[in-house]
């Protein structure tokens, strides 16, 4: 109980410091004198205010309204792009982390009380989950969109950790989807899909307000989890090449023209049909790196996203075909 009181007291101090700094233009030294704390303590209180969501900082470039690349992407694809500036020489891992950090900060603009968010696990969304900002919501839910098990692991540890971070950040209820990523037999999947316990999660997936996903691809510079985590055997990989697959969303595969329904491997996938994803009013795709460019074009052709959070280099490359 003492811990809770101290934590609450610190949040009130952070609120007061933020009001003095951002609304009254007081210096850190002046705030320190008013709150009877050191200048470094004021800096920490302001950092706490940002992390707790008390302060929401928006940066606007007065010389770029609207930003031309984002406008061009909207004109060409009908998608709202959110560009993340990343230097060209940035490593692949750091590029992903910077895009994921920006996506995590933006997520509060899309997800609020009385909403359900569908999460497609993967390397990109795992990175986003590590940077989430705590924001209090009520009557919210987070549901797993595809199973994570394979023949050597249940996948629960990996997928549940991602969902737990989202649940903790938003105070949301979590719904796991404890089924295999890919079934050995499509008939087995069809039978399990009729079970009430499974159907409850499937029905919830159909009601999501926000879908959050990355793009898996075999050629990614930062490996996609589904391709390196033992989910696909050599025969599956051969089939993907034969079918000219460029990527997947929630372990449902697609070609560069956006087609997906006639791909045999999708009959065994536990991921939602693209028709289900397209029901969500907001669909956020997070992409980092030009190695996912073909997958991005395929996902755009499939009409899977309403919003694209992407590094500026990849965004410009998208417009050069």
C-alpha atoms as a PDB file:
ATOM      1  CA  UNK A   1       0.000   0.000   0.000  1.00  0.00           C
ATOM      2  CA  UNK A   2       2.900   2.334   0.753  1.00  0.00           C
ATOM      3  CA  UNK A   3       4.333   1.606  -2.699  1.00  0.00           C
ATOM      4  CA  UNK A   4       1.062   2.539  -4.382  1.00  0.00           C
ATOM      5  CA  UNK A   5       0.869   5.804  -2.427  1.00  0.00           C
ATOM      6  CA  UNK A   6       4.435   6.730  -3.330  1.00  0.00           C
ATOM      7  CA  UNK A   7       3.860   5.905  -6.980  1.00  0.00           C
ATOM      8  CA  UNK A   8       0.688   8.001  -7.044  1.00  0.00           C
ATOM      9  CA  UNK A   9       2.469  10.875  -5.321  1.00  0.00           C
ATOM     10  CA  UNK A  10       5.242  10.746  -7.933  1.00  0.00           C
ATOM     11  CA  UNK A  11       2.677  10.881 -10.753  1.00  0.00           C
ATOM     12  CA  UNK A  12       1.100  13.974  -9.171  1.00  0.00           C
ATOM     13  CA  UNK A  13       4.551  15.567  -8.933  1.00  0.00           C
ATOM     14  CA  UNK A  14       5.183  14.660 -12.583  1.00  0.00           C
ATOM     15  CA  UNK A  15       1.856  16.224 -13.556  1.00  0.00           C
ATOM     16  CA  UNK A  16       2.683  19.405 -11.672  1.00  0.00           C
ATOM     17  CA  UNK A  17       6.160  19.613 -13.202  1.00  0.00           C
ATOM     18  CA  UNK A  18       4.732  19.074 -16.696  1.00  0.00           C
ATOM     19  CA  UNK A  19       2.128  21.800 -16.213  1.00  0.00           C
ATOM     20  CA  UNK A  20       4.762  24.270 -15.022  1.00  0.00           C
ATOM     21  CA  UNK A  21       7.191  23.381 -17.833  1.00  0.00           C
ATOM     22  CA  UNK A  22       4.900  22.973 -20.849  1.00  0.00           C
ATOM     23  CA  UNK A  23       1.992  25.285 -19.958  1.00  0.00           C
ATOM     24  CA  UNK A  24       3.651  28.017 -17.925  1.00  0.00           C
ATOM     25  CA  UNK A  25       7.101  28.042 -19.613  1.00  0.00           C
ATOM     26  CA  UNK A  26       8.991  27.865 -16.318  1.00  0.00           C
ATOM     27  CA  UNK A  27      12.627  26.786 -16.472  1.00  0.00           C
ATOM     28  CA  UNK A  28      13.749  23.568 -14.781  1.00  0.00           C
ATOM     29  CA  UNK A  29      15.566  25.630 -12.167  1.00  0.00           C
ATOM     30  CA  UNK A  30      12.395  27.600 -11.405  1.00  0.00           C
ATOM     31  CA  UNK A  31      10.343  24.413 -11.215  1.00  0.00           C
ATOM     32  CA  UNK A  32      12.929  22.908  -8.866  1.00  0.00           C
ATOM     33  CA  UNK A  33      12.625  25.884  -6.535  1.00  0.00           C
ATOM     34  CA  UNK A  34       8.822  25.681  -6.542  1.00  0.00           C
ATOM     35  CA  UNK A  35       8.722  21.933  -5.921  1.00  0.00           C
ATOM     36  CA  UNK A  36      11.741  22.002  -3.558  1.00  0.00           C
ATOM     37  CA  UNK A  37      13.677  19.457  -5.623  1.00  0.00           C
ATOM     38  CA  UNK A  38      16.884  19.509  -7.642  1.00  0.00           C
ATOM     39  CA  UNK A  39      17.074  20.345 -11.352  1.00  0.00           C
ATOM     40  CA  UNK A  40      17.906  16.685 -12.152  1.00  0.00           C
ATOM     41  CA  UNK A  41      14.804  15.600 -10.226  1.00  0.00           C
ATOM     42  CA  UNK A  42      12.696  17.921 -12.395  1.00  0.00           C
ATOM     43  CA  UNK A  43      14.180  16.315 -15.497  1.00  0.00           C
ATOM     44  CA  UNK A  44      13.236  12.878 -14.172  1.00  0.00           C
ATOM     45  CA  UNK A  45       9.712  14.039 -13.340  1.00  0.00           C
ATOM     46  CA  UNK A  46       9.243  15.344 -16.897  1.00  0.00           C
ATOM     47  CA  UNK A  47      10.499  12.014 -18.245  1.00  0.00           C
ATOM     48  CA  UNK A  48       7.990  10.228 -15.987  1.00  0.00           C
ATOM     49  CA  UNK A  49       5.222  12.481 -17.331  1.00  0.00           C
ATOM     50  CA  UNK A  50       6.065  11.470 -20.900  1.00  0.00           C
ATOM     51  CA  UNK A  51       6.326   7.766 -20.086  1.00  0.00           C
ATOM     52  CA  UNK A  52       3.043   7.764 -18.162  1.00  0.00           C
ATOM     53  CA  UNK A  53       1.196   9.456 -21.007  1.00  0.00           C
ATOM     54  CA  UNK A  54       0.593  12.645 -19.022  1.00  0.00           C
ATOM     55  CA  UNK A  55       2.367  14.573 -21.773  1.00  0.00           C
ATOM     56  CA  UNK A  56       1.748  13.915 -25.465  1.00  0.00           C
ATOM     57  CA  UNK A  57       4.298  15.650 -27.687  1.00  0.00           C
ATOM     58  CA  UNK A  58       3.448  16.372 -31.327  1.00  0.00           C
ATOM     59  CA  UNK A  59       6.100  17.633 -33.756  1.00  0.00           C
ATOM     60  CA  UNK A  60       4.910  19.600 -36.776  1.00  0.00           C
ATOM     61  CA  UNK A  61       7.106  20.725 -39.647  1.00  0.00           C
ATOM     62  CA  UNK A  62       5.738  24.090 -40.851  1.00  0.00           C
ATOM     63  CA  UNK A  63       7.541  23.763 -44.199  1.00  0.00           C
ATOM     64  CA  UNK A  64       6.033  20.379 -45.075  1.00  0.00           C
ATOM     65  CA  UNK A  65       2.214  20.421 -44.790  1.00  0.00           C
ATOM     66  CA  UNK A  66       1.218  17.879 -45.854  1.00  0.00           C
ATOM     67  CA  UNK A  67       4.451  15.968 -46.132  1.00  0.00           C
ATOM     68  CA  UNK A  68       4.851  15.178 -49.775  1.00  0.00           C
ATOM     69  CA  UNK A  69       5.798  11.508 -49.519  1.00  0.00           C
ATOM     70  CA  UNK A  70       2.889  10.765 -47.196  1.00  0.00           C
ATOM     71  CA  UNK A  71       0.558  12.652 -49.538  1.00  0.00           C
ATOM     72  CA  UNK A  72       1.875  10.745 -52.562  1.00  0.00           C
ATOM     73  CA  UNK A  73       1.365   7.394 -50.807  1.00  0.00           C
ATOM     74  CA  UNK A  74      -2.193   8.341 -49.954  1.00  0.00           C
ATOM     75  CA  UNK A  75      -2.882   9.444 -53.533  1.00  0.00           C
ATOM     76  CA  UNK A  76      -1.428   6.239 -54.966  1.00  0.00           C
ATOM     77  CA  UNK A  77      -2.604   3.633 -52.460  1.00  0.00           C
ATOM     78  CA  UNK A  78      -5.366   5.278 -50.411  1.00  0.00           C
ATOM     79  CA  UNK A  79      -3.403   4.599 -47.226  1.00  0.00           C
ATOM     80  CA  UNK A  80      -2.377   7.070 -44.518  1.00  0.00           C
ATOM     81  CA  UNK A  81       1.392   6.853 -44.141  1.00  0.00           C
ATOM     82  CA  UNK A  82       3.289   7.876 -41.016  1.00  0.00           C
ATOM     83  CA  UNK A  83       6.948   8.325 -41.924  1.00  0.00           C
ATOM     84  CA  UNK A  84       9.708   7.649 -39.404  1.00  0.00           C
ATOM     85  CA  UNK A  85      12.978   9.468 -40.224  1.00  0.00           C
ATOM     86  CA  UNK A  86      15.894   7.037 -40.077  1.00  0.00           C
ATOM     87  CA  UNK A  87      19.411   7.756 -41.454  1.00  0.00           C
ATOM     88  CA  UNK A  88      20.298   5.634 -44.490  1.00  0.00           C
ATOM     89  CA  UNK A  89      23.358   4.098 -42.803  1.00  0.00           C
ATOM     90  CA  UNK A  90      21.413   2.867 -39.783  1.00  0.00           C
ATOM     91  CA  UNK A  91      21.764  -0.877 -39.166  1.00  0.00           C
ATOM     92  CA  UNK A  92      18.798  -3.125 -39.944  1.00  0.00           C
ATOM     93  CA  UNK A  93      18.171  -3.871 -36.268  1.00  0.00           C
ATOM     94  CA  UNK A  94      18.372  -0.212 -35.230  1.00  0.00           C
ATOM     95  CA  UNK A  95      16.068   0.729 -38.108  1.00  0.00           C
ATOM     96  CA  UNK A  96      13.481  -1.739 -36.858  1.00  0.00           C
ATOM     97  CA  UNK A  97      13.833  -0.478 -33.296  1.00  0.00           C
ATOM     98  CA  UNK A  98      13.352   3.153 -34.332  1.00  0.00           C
ATOM     99  CA  UNK A  99      10.260   2.376 -36.397  1.00  0.00           C
ATOM    100  CA  UNK A 100       8.894   0.161 -33.609  1.00  0.00           C
ATOM    101  CA  UNK A 101       9.488   2.917 -31.045  1.00  0.00           C
ATOM    102  CA  UNK A 102       7.581   5.421 -33.173  1.00  0.00           C
ATOM    103  CA  UNK A 103       4.762   2.928 -33.766  1.00  0.00           C
ATOM    104  CA  UNK A 104       4.470   2.301 -30.022  1.00  0.00           C
ATOM    105  CA  UNK A 105       4.217   6.043 -29.355  1.00  0.00           C
ATOM    106  CA  UNK A 106       1.566   6.476 -32.078  1.00  0.00           C
ATOM    107  CA  UNK A 107      -0.570   3.574 -30.936  1.00  0.00           C
ATOM    108  CA  UNK A 108      -2.334   5.673 -28.314  1.00  0.00           C
ATOM    109  CA  UNK A 109      -3.836   7.740 -31.146  1.00  0.00           C
ATOM    110  CA  UNK A 110      -5.601   4.649 -32.495  1.00  0.00           C
ATOM    111  CA  UNK A 111      -6.510   2.595 -29.433  1.00  0.00           C
ATOM    112  CA  UNK A 112      -8.633   3.813 -26.526  1.00  0.00           C
ATOM    113  CA  UNK A 113     -11.351   2.707 -24.111  1.00  0.00           C
ATOM    114  CA  UNK A 114     -14.125   0.355 -25.256  1.00  0.00           C
ATOM    115  CA  UNK A 115     -12.035  -1.035 -28.097  1.00  0.00           C
ATOM    116  CA  UNK A 116     -10.548  -4.415 -29.029  1.00  0.00           C
ATOM    117  CA  UNK A 117      -7.153  -4.725 -30.719  1.00  0.00           C
ATOM    118  CA  UNK A 118      -6.030  -7.756 -32.707  1.00  0.00           C
ATOM    119  CA  UNK A 119      -2.307  -8.573 -32.512  1.00  0.00           C
ATOM    120  CA  UNK A 120      -0.367 -10.599 -35.078  1.00  0.00           C
ATOM    121  CA  UNK A 121       2.798 -11.777 -33.319  1.00  0.00           C
ATOM    122  CA  UNK A 122       6.141 -11.510 -35.085  1.00  0.00           C
ATOM    123  CA  UNK A 123       9.548  -9.826 -34.899  1.00  0.00           C
ATOM    124  CA  UNK A 124       8.164  -6.374 -35.729  1.00  0.00           C
ATOM    125  CA  UNK A 125       5.255  -6.423 -33.268  1.00  0.00           C
ATOM    126  CA  UNK A 126       7.520  -7.914 -30.614  1.00  0.00           C
ATOM    127  CA  UNK A 127       9.758  -4.852 -31.051  1.00  0.00           C
ATOM    128  CA  UNK A 128       6.737  -2.537 -30.817  1.00  0.00           C
ATOM    129  CA  UNK A 129       5.640  -4.234 -27.590  1.00  0.00           C
ATOM    130  CA  UNK A 130       8.975  -3.406 -25.923  1.00  0.00           C
ATOM    131  CA  UNK A 131       8.404   0.342 -26.369  1.00  0.00           C
ATOM    132  CA  UNK A 132       4.751   0.734 -25.395  1.00  0.00           C
ATOM    133  CA  UNK A 133       3.782   3.750 -23.303  1.00  0.00           C
ATOM    134  CA  UNK A 134       1.463   3.082 -20.389  1.00  0.00           C
ATOM    135  CA  UNK A 135      -1.991   4.504 -20.982  1.00  0.00           C
ATOM    136  CA  UNK A 136      -5.020   3.872 -18.819  1.00  0.00           C
ATOM    137  CA  UNK A 137      -8.067   2.526 -20.676  1.00  0.00           C
ATOM    138  CA  UNK A 138     -11.304   0.855 -19.615  1.00  0.00           C
ATOM    139  CA  UNK A 139     -13.259  -2.006 -21.137  1.00  0.00           C
ATOM    140  CA  UNK A 140     -10.512  -2.825 -23.644  1.00  0.00           C
ATOM    141  CA  UNK A 141      -9.256  -6.129 -24.987  1.00  0.00           C
ATOM    142  CA  UNK A 142      -6.258  -7.499 -26.858  1.00  0.00           C
ATOM    143  CA  UNK A 143      -6.754 -10.687 -28.863  1.00  0.00           C
ATOM    144  CA  UNK A 144      -4.145 -12.907 -30.508  1.00  0.00           C
ATOM    145  CA  UNK A 145      -4.860 -13.302 -34.229  1.00  0.00           C
ATOM    146  CA  UNK A 146      -2.912 -16.483 -35.020  1.00  0.00           C
ATOM    147  CA  UNK A 147      -1.629 -19.508 -33.150  1.00  0.00           C
ATOM    148  CA  UNK A 148       2.026 -19.827 -32.194  1.00  0.00           C
ATOM    149  CA  UNK A 149       2.583 -23.568 -31.682  1.00  0.00           C
ATOM    150  CA  UNK A 150       4.638 -25.903 -33.857  1.00  0.00           C
ATOM    151  CA  UNK A 151       6.046 -29.426 -33.577  1.00  0.00           C
ATOM    152  CA  UNK A 152       8.760 -28.474 -31.064  1.00  0.00           C
ATOM    153  CA  UNK A 153       7.197 -25.686 -28.989  1.00  0.00           C
ATOM    154  CA  UNK A 154       3.785 -24.512 -27.864  1.00  0.00           C
ATOM    155  CA  UNK A 155       4.810 -20.943 -28.721  1.00  0.00           C
ATOM    156  CA  UNK A 156       3.026 -19.772 -25.584  1.00  0.00           C
ATOM    157  CA  UNK A 157       6.090 -18.153 -24.017  1.00  0.00           C
ATOM    158  CA  UNK A 158       6.821 -16.070 -27.119  1.00  0.00           C
ATOM    159  CA  UNK A 159       3.313 -14.958 -28.027  1.00  0.00           C
ATOM    160  CA  UNK A 160       2.022 -14.515 -24.474  1.00  0.00           C
ATOM    161  CA  UNK A 161       4.903 -12.194 -23.579  1.00  0.00           C
ATOM    162  CA  UNK A 162       3.981  -9.920 -26.493  1.00  0.00           C
ATOM    163  CA  UNK A 163       0.309  -9.905 -25.502  1.00  0.00           C
ATOM    164  CA  UNK A 164       1.164  -9.369 -21.830  1.00  0.00           C
ATOM    165  CA  UNK A 165       3.067  -6.181 -22.675  1.00  0.00           C
ATOM    166  CA  UNK A 166       0.070  -4.804 -24.561  1.00  0.00           C
ATOM    167  CA  UNK A 167      -2.278  -5.827 -21.767  1.00  0.00           C
ATOM    168  CA  UNK A 168      -0.096  -4.207 -19.116  1.00  0.00           C
ATOM    169  CA  UNK A 169       0.376  -1.002 -21.136  1.00  0.00           C
ATOM    170  CA  UNK A 170      -3.337  -0.412 -21.696  1.00  0.00           C
ATOM    171  CA  UNK A 171      -4.858  -2.262 -18.747  1.00  0.00           C
ATOM    172  CA  UNK A 172      -6.613  -4.489 -21.275  1.00  0.00           C
ATOM    173  CA  UNK A 173      -7.980  -8.018 -21.023  1.00  0.00           C
ATOM    174  CA  UNK A 174      -5.937 -10.545 -22.999  1.00  0.00           C
ATOM    175  CA  UNK A 175      -7.328 -13.331 -25.150  1.00  0.00           C
ATOM    176  CA  UNK A 176      -4.824 -15.986 -26.176  1.00  0.00           C
ATOM    177  CA  UNK A 177      -5.291 -18.263 -29.181  1.00  0.00           C
ATOM    178  CA  UNK A 178      -3.704 -21.585 -28.078  1.00  0.00           C
ATOM    179  CA  UNK A 179      -3.698 -23.432 -31.404  1.00  0.00           C
ATOM    180  CA  UNK A 180      -0.949 -24.503 -33.828  1.00  0.00           C
ATOM    181  CA  UNK A 181       0.414 -21.923 -36.227  1.00  0.00           C
ATOM    182  CA  UNK A 182      -0.059 -24.415 -39.049  1.00  0.00           C
ATOM    183  CA  UNK A 183      -2.124 -27.586 -38.879  1.00  0.00           C
ATOM    184  CA  UNK A 184      -0.806 -30.784 -40.440  1.00  0.00           C
ATOM    185  CA  UNK A 185      -4.189 -31.405 -42.005  1.00  0.00           C
ATOM    186  CA  UNK A 186      -6.752 -28.770 -43.108  1.00  0.00           C
ATOM    187  CA  UNK A 187      -9.537 -31.093 -41.938  1.00  0.00           C
ATOM    188  CA  UNK A 188      -8.178 -30.971 -38.382  1.00  0.00           C
ATOM    189  CA  UNK A 189      -8.333 -27.198 -38.470  1.00  0.00           C
ATOM    190  CA  UNK A 190     -11.933 -27.246 -39.687  1.00  0.00           C
ATOM    191  CA  UNK A 191     -12.945 -29.549 -36.834  1.00  0.00           C
ATOM    192  CA  UNK A 192     -11.211 -27.452 -34.179  1.00  0.00           C
ATOM    193  CA  UNK A 193     -12.774 -24.297 -35.623  1.00  0.00           C
ATOM    194  CA  UNK A 194     -16.174 -25.752 -34.691  1.00  0.00           C
ATOM    195  CA  UNK A 195     -15.279 -26.134 -31.017  1.00  0.00           C
ATOM    196  CA  UNK A 196     -16.973 -23.568 -28.801  1.00  0.00           C
ATOM    197  CA  UNK A 197     -13.774 -22.565 -27.007  1.00  0.00           C
ATOM    198  CA  UNK A 198     -12.041 -21.880 -30.317  1.00  0.00           C
ATOM    199  CA  UNK A 199     -15.063 -20.254 -31.912  1.00  0.00           C
ATOM    200  CA  UNK A 200     -15.279 -17.771 -29.031  1.00  0.00           C
ATOM    201  CA  UNK A 201     -11.846 -16.374 -29.961  1.00  0.00           C
ATOM    202  CA  UNK A 202     -12.622 -16.473 -33.684  1.00  0.00           C
ATOM    203  CA  UNK A 203     -15.810 -14.496 -33.073  1.00  0.00           C
ATOM    204  CA  UNK A 204     -13.855 -11.936 -31.044  1.00  0.00           C
ATOM    205  CA  UNK A 205     -11.354 -11.551 -33.889  1.00  0.00           C
ATOM    206  CA  UNK A 206     -14.249 -10.559 -36.140  1.00  0.00           C
ATOM    207  CA  UNK A 207     -15.107  -7.629 -33.859  1.00  0.00           C
ATOM    208  CA  UNK A 208     -11.692  -5.974 -33.513  1.00  0.00           C
ATOM    209  CA  UNK A 209     -11.542  -2.198 -33.829  1.00  0.00           C
ATOM    210  CA  UNK A 210      -7.792  -2.089 -34.495  1.00  0.00           C
ATOM    211  CA  UNK A 211      -5.570  -4.656 -36.213  1.00  0.00           C
ATOM    212  CA  UNK A 212      -1.824  -4.356 -35.605  1.00  0.00           C
ATOM    213  CA  UNK A 213       0.594  -6.372 -37.719  1.00  0.00           C
ATOM    214  CA  UNK A 214       3.972  -6.464 -39.401  1.00  0.00           C
ATOM    215  CA  UNK A 215       4.883  -8.161 -42.656  1.00  0.00           C
ATOM    216  CA  UNK A 216       6.702 -11.469 -42.625  1.00  0.00           C
ATOM    217  CA  UNK A 217       8.970 -12.278 -45.548  1.00  0.00           C
ATOM    218  CA  UNK A 218      11.593 -14.861 -46.321  1.00  0.00           C
ATOM    219  CA  UNK A 219      14.092 -12.232 -47.517  1.00  0.00           C
ATOM    220  CA  UNK A 220      13.897  -9.855 -44.550  1.00  0.00           C
ATOM    221  CA  UNK A 221      17.184  -8.403 -43.271  1.00  0.00           C
ATOM    222  CA  UNK A 222      15.860  -8.790 -39.733  1.00  0.00           C
ATOM    223  CA  UNK A 223      14.499 -12.374 -39.921  1.00  0.00           C
ATOM    224  CA  UNK A 224      10.746 -12.870 -39.658  1.00  0.00           C
ATOM    225  CA  UNK A 225       9.876 -15.182 -36.774  1.00  0.00           C
ATOM    226  CA  UNK A 226       7.663 -17.513 -38.804  1.00  0.00           C
ATOM    227  CA  UNK A 227      10.516 -18.283 -41.231  1.00  0.00           C
ATOM    228  CA  UNK A 228      13.287 -18.841 -38.680  1.00  0.00           C
ATOM    229  CA  UNK A 229      11.358 -20.232 -35.709  1.00  0.00           C
ATOM    230  CA  UNK A 230      10.780 -23.744 -37.024  1.00  0.00           C
ATOM    231  CA  UNK A 231       7.232 -23.130 -38.220  1.00  0.00           C
ATOM    232  CA  UNK A 232       7.908 -24.072 -41.853  1.00  0.00           C
ATOM    233  CA  UNK A 233       9.609 -27.236 -43.104  1.00  0.00           C
ATOM    234  CA  UNK A 234      11.654 -27.407 -46.357  1.00  0.00           C
ATOM    235  CA  UNK A 235       8.611 -28.606 -48.306  1.00  0.00           C
ATOM    236  CA  UNK A 236       6.648 -25.573 -47.102  1.00  0.00           C
ATOM    237  CA  UNK A 237       9.456 -23.236 -48.178  1.00  0.00           C
ATOM    238  CA  UNK A 238       9.549 -24.880 -51.613  1.00  0.00           C
ATOM    239  CA  UNK A 239       5.787 -24.376 -51.898  1.00  0.00           C
ATOM    240  CA  UNK A 240       6.129 -20.700 -51.062  1.00  0.00           C
ATOM    241  CA  UNK A 241       8.667 -20.275 -53.852  1.00  0.00           C
ATOM    242  CA  UNK A 242       6.508 -22.227 -56.298  1.00  0.00           C
ATOM    243  CA  UNK A 243       3.490 -20.088 -55.453  1.00  0.00           C
ATOM    244  CA  UNK A 244       5.576 -16.878 -55.776  1.00  0.00           C
ATOM    245  CA  UNK A 245       4.793 -15.808 -52.223  1.00  0.00           C
ATOM    246  CA  UNK A 246       6.215 -12.433 -51.189  1.00  0.00           C
ATOM    247  CA  UNK A 247       5.065 -12.281 -47.566  1.00  0.00           C
ATOM    248  CA  UNK A 248       2.511 -13.044 -44.895  1.00  0.00           C
ATOM    249  CA  UNK A 249       0.272 -11.256 -42.422  1.00  0.00           C
ATOM    250  CA  UNK A 250      -0.508 -13.262 -39.287  1.00  0.00           C
ATOM    251  CA  UNK A 251       0.897 -16.365 -41.081  1.00  0.00           C
ATOM    252  CA  UNK A 252      -1.501 -16.037 -44.019  1.00  0.00           C
ATOM    253  CA  UNK A 253       0.564 -15.837 -47.199  1.00  0.00           C
ATOM    254  CA  UNK A 254       0.055 -13.653 -50.259  1.00  0.00           C
ATOM    255  CA  UNK A 255       1.558 -12.814 -53.636  1.00  0.00           C
ATOM    256  CA  UNK A 256       2.711  -9.427 -54.899  1.00  0.00           C
ATOM    257  CA  UNK A 257      -0.623  -8.889 -56.633  1.00  0.00           C
ATOM    258  CA  UNK A 258      -2.412  -9.350 -53.296  1.00  0.00           C
ATOM    259  CA  UNK A 259      -3.917 -12.768 -54.093  1.00  0.00           C
ATOM    260  CA  UNK A 260      -4.043 -15.264 -51.227  1.00  0.00           C
ATOM    261  CA  UNK A 261      -7.171 -17.449 -51.302  1.00  0.00           C
ATOM    262  CA  UNK A 262      -5.830 -20.186 -53.598  1.00  0.00           C
ATOM    263  CA  UNK A 263      -2.536 -20.743 -51.741  1.00  0.00           C
ATOM    264  CA  UNK A 264      -2.554 -24.311 -50.315  1.00  0.00           C
ATOM    265  CA  UNK A 265      -0.572 -23.480 -47.176  1.00  0.00           C
ATOM    266  CA  UNK A 266      -3.240 -20.976 -46.116  1.00  0.00           C
ATOM    267  CA  UNK A 267      -5.756 -23.815 -45.702  1.00  0.00           C
ATOM    268  CA  UNK A 268      -3.573 -25.039 -42.815  1.00  0.00           C
ATOM    269  CA  UNK A 269      -2.834 -21.615 -41.303  1.00  0.00           C
ATOM    270  CA  UNK A 270      -4.456 -20.505 -38.053  1.00  0.00           C
ATOM    271  CA  UNK A 271      -4.296 -16.858 -39.105  1.00  0.00           C
ATOM    272  CA  UNK A 272      -7.462 -14.934 -39.983  1.00  0.00           C
ATOM    273  CA  UNK A 273      -8.714 -14.690 -43.534  1.00  0.00           C
ATOM    274  CA  UNK A 274      -7.960 -11.303 -45.041  1.00  0.00           C
ATOM    275  CA  UNK A 275     -11.697 -10.622 -45.134  1.00  0.00           C
ATOM    276  CA  UNK A 276     -11.630 -10.717 -41.323  1.00  0.00           C
ATOM    277  CA  UNK A 277      -8.712  -8.290 -41.085  1.00  0.00           C
ATOM    278  CA  UNK A 278     -10.363  -5.897 -43.527  1.00  0.00           C
ATOM    279  CA  UNK A 279     -13.403  -5.675 -41.226  1.00  0.00           C
ATOM    280  CA  UNK A 280     -11.365  -3.730 -38.659  1.00  0.00           C
ATOM    281  CA  UNK A 281     -11.939   0.049 -39.015  1.00  0.00           C
ATOM    282  CA  UNK A 282      -8.229   0.776 -38.410  1.00  0.00           C
ATOM    283  CA  UNK A 283      -5.521  -1.547 -39.623  1.00  0.00           C
ATOM    284  CA  UNK A 284      -1.968  -0.574 -38.709  1.00  0.00           C
ATOM    285  CA  UNK A 285       0.908  -2.093 -40.643  1.00  0.00           C
ATOM    286  CA  UNK A 286       4.423  -1.504 -39.286  1.00  0.00           C
ATOM    287  CA  UNK A 287       7.284  -1.910 -41.761  1.00  0.00           C
ATOM    288  CA  UNK A 288      11.031  -1.287 -41.465  1.00  0.00           C
ATOM    289  CA  UNK A 289      13.511  -1.813 -44.295  1.00  0.00           C
ATOM    290  CA  UNK A 290      13.403  -2.120 -48.088  1.00  0.00           C
ATOM    291  CA  UNK A 291      13.808  -5.907 -47.835  1.00  0.00           C
ATOM    292  CA  UNK A 292      10.074  -5.950 -47.056  1.00  0.00           C
ATOM    293  CA  UNK A 293       9.187  -3.795 -50.049  1.00  0.00           C
ATOM    294  CA  UNK A 294       7.683  -6.594 -52.182  1.00  0.00           C
ATOM    295  CA  UNK A 295       5.678  -7.794 -49.207  1.00  0.00           C
ATOM    296  CA  UNK A 296       4.493  -4.239 -48.628  1.00  0.00           C
ATOM    297  CA  UNK A 297       3.323  -3.914 -52.217  1.00  0.00           C
ATOM    298  CA  UNK A 298       1.466  -7.220 -51.918  1.00  0.00           C
ATOM    299  CA  UNK A 299      -0.220  -6.183 -48.666  1.00  0.00           C
ATOM    300  CA  UNK A 300      -1.263  -2.886 -50.238  1.00  0.00           C
ATOM    301  CA  UNK A 301      -2.661  -4.729 -53.255  1.00  0.00           C
ATOM    302  CA  UNK A 302      -4.651  -6.933 -50.857  1.00  0.00           C
ATOM    303  CA  UNK A 303      -6.147  -3.854 -49.177  1.00  0.00           C
ATOM    304  CA  UNK A 304      -4.976  -4.948 -45.740  1.00  0.00           C
ATOM    305  CA  UNK A 305      -4.080  -1.618 -44.167  1.00  0.00           C
ATOM    306  CA  UNK A 306      -5.559   1.773 -43.492  1.00  0.00           C
ATOM    307  CA  UNK A 307      -2.371   3.131 -41.916  1.00  0.00           C
ATOM    308  CA  UNK A 308       1.283   2.447 -42.657  1.00  0.00           C
ATOM    309  CA  UNK A 309       4.021   3.231 -40.139  1.00  0.00           C
ATOM    310  CA  UNK A 310       7.256   3.008 -42.117  1.00  0.00           C
ATOM    311  CA  UNK A 311      10.803   4.349 -42.295  1.00  0.00           C
ATOM    312  CA  UNK A 312      11.246   7.152 -44.807  1.00  0.00           C
ATOM    313  CA  UNK A 313      13.707   5.237 -47.005  1.00  0.00           C
ATOM    314  CA  UNK A 314      11.262   2.377 -47.573  1.00  0.00           C
ATOM    315  CA  UNK A 315       8.411   4.846 -48.110  1.00  0.00           C
ATOM    316  CA  UNK A 316      10.303   6.618 -50.879  1.00  0.00           C
ATOM    317  CA  UNK A 317      11.299   3.318 -52.480  1.00  0.00           C
ATOM    318  CA  UNK A 318       7.623   2.349 -52.508  1.00  0.00           C
ATOM    319  CA  UNK A 319       6.916   5.289 -54.813  1.00  0.00           C
ATOM    320  CA  UNK A 320       9.696   4.564 -57.315  1.00  0.00           C
ATOM    321  CA  UNK A 321       8.275   1.500 -59.075  1.00  0.00           C
END
